[in-house]
Protein backbone atom coordinates (compact mmCIF):
# COMPACT_ATOMS: atom_id res chain seq x y z
CA MET A 1 0.00 0.00 0.00
CA ILE A 2 1.34 3.41 -0.97
CA LEU A 3 1.27 6.11 1.68
CA GLU A 4 -0.90 9.13 1.18
CA ILE A 5 1.31 12.07 2.15
CA ARG A 6 -0.45 14.34 4.62
CA LEU A 7 0.84 17.71 5.80
CA ASP A 8 0.37 16.65 9.43
CA GLY A 9 1.88 13.20 8.79
CA LYS A 10 5.17 12.18 10.38
CA TYR A 11 7.32 9.90 8.26
CA LYS A 12 10.57 8.06 8.79
CA LYS A 13 13.04 6.11 6.74
CA ALA A 14 12.19 2.47 6.03
CA ALA A 15 14.21 -0.02 8.08
CA ASP A 16 15.49 -2.02 5.10
CA LEU A 17 17.56 0.84 3.66
CA VAL A 18 21.30 1.21 3.88
CA CYS A 19 22.31 4.89 4.12
CA LYS A 20 25.76 6.44 4.00
CA GLU A 21 26.54 10.13 4.27
CA ALA A 22 29.67 11.47 2.58
CA ASP A 23 30.52 15.13 2.17
CA GLU A 24 27.31 16.83 1.02
CA GLU A 25 25.66 13.68 -0.32
CA ILE A 26 23.59 10.86 1.09
CA PHE A 27 23.75 7.48 -0.65
CA ILE A 28 20.78 5.16 -0.15
CA VAL A 29 20.77 1.50 -1.13
CA LEU A 30 17.48 -0.36 -1.30
CA ALA A 31 18.46 -3.61 0.42
CA ASN A 32 15.14 -5.35 -0.23
CA CYS A 33 14.75 -4.40 -3.86
CA GLU A 34 13.49 -6.65 -6.69
CA MET A 35 15.87 -5.50 -9.41
CA SER A 36 18.07 -7.50 -11.70
CA ALA A 37 21.83 -7.52 -11.27
CA GLN A 38 22.21 -5.09 -14.18
CA GLU A 39 20.02 -2.47 -12.52
CA THR A 40 21.06 -0.40 -9.57
CA ALA A 41 19.07 0.38 -6.47
CA VAL A 42 21.28 3.21 -5.25
CA PHE A 43 19.99 6.75 -4.84
CA THR A 44 22.02 9.89 -4.19
CA LEU A 45 20.52 12.89 -2.42
CA THR A 46 22.04 16.35 -2.38
CA GLY A 47 20.80 19.84 -1.58
CA THR A 48 17.10 20.03 -0.79
CA GLY A 49 16.59 16.28 -1.08
CA ARG A 50 19.34 15.72 1.49
CA LEU A 51 17.79 18.29 3.85
CA ILE A 52 14.35 16.68 3.57
CA TRP A 53 15.79 13.17 4.09
CA GLN A 54 17.58 14.28 7.25
CA GLN A 55 14.25 15.50 8.70
CA LEU A 56 12.51 12.15 8.21
CA ASP A 57 12.92 10.73 11.70
CA GLY A 58 9.28 10.16 12.63
CA THR A 59 9.08 13.26 14.83
CA ASN A 60 8.79 16.04 12.25
CA SER A 61 5.51 16.62 10.42
CA VAL A 62 5.55 17.40 6.70
CA LEU A 63 4.71 21.01 7.63
CA GLN A 64 7.81 21.14 9.83
CA VAL A 65 9.92 19.74 7.00
CA ILE A 66 8.52 22.42 4.68
CA GLU A 67 9.42 25.07 7.26
CA GLN A 68 13.01 23.76 7.37
CA VAL A 69 13.28 23.97 3.59
CA LEU A 70 11.88 27.52 3.62
CA GLU A 71 14.45 28.53 6.26
CA ASN A 72 17.31 27.21 4.13
CA TYR A 73 16.24 28.09 0.58
CA GLU A 74 14.63 31.11 -1.01
CA ALA A 75 11.55 29.92 -2.85
CA PRO A 76 7.81 30.63 -2.77
CA GLU A 77 6.04 28.72 0.03
CA GLU A 78 3.48 27.06 -2.25
CA GLU A 79 6.22 25.86 -4.60
CA VAL A 80 8.19 24.40 -1.69
CA ARG A 81 5.06 22.73 -0.31
CA GLN A 82 4.30 21.10 -3.67
CA ASP A 83 7.91 20.02 -4.21
CA VAL A 84 8.30 18.51 -0.72
CA VAL A 85 5.04 16.58 -1.02
CA ALA A 86 5.99 15.34 -4.52
CA PHE A 87 9.42 14.24 -3.24
CA LEU A 88 7.84 12.39 -0.30
CA GLU A 89 5.33 10.73 -2.64
CA GLU A 90 8.22 9.49 -4.78
CA LEU A 91 9.97 8.10 -1.69
CA ALA A 92 6.73 6.41 -0.62
CA VAL A 93 6.22 4.80 -4.05
CA ARG A 94 9.73 3.35 -3.80
CA GLY A 95 9.05 2.06 -0.28
CA MET A 96 11.75 4.29 1.21
CA ILE A 97 9.60 5.93 3.91
CA ILE A 98 6.96 4.73 6.36
CA GLU A 99 4.57 6.49 8.72
């Protein structure tokens, strides 16, 4: 079942991920992924994606994550809101976050 991202929802990283932070990047390996050997299941997050990922600890609501992004980047609030929700939806589709 795919999560429906709610602004008051609190999400955290799925337990079956392997994450490594290096410099300004976060590398995420999907350990329980149904991909062939030729395909990769490694994701790299930088910038805003990295900031959002770091906030996903199960204690911050989506609204709080949006506030963090607004504090760190100059962008219209509605655009940030849409982008954060879209990013979280993508993570949910891939099974990378849980509620």
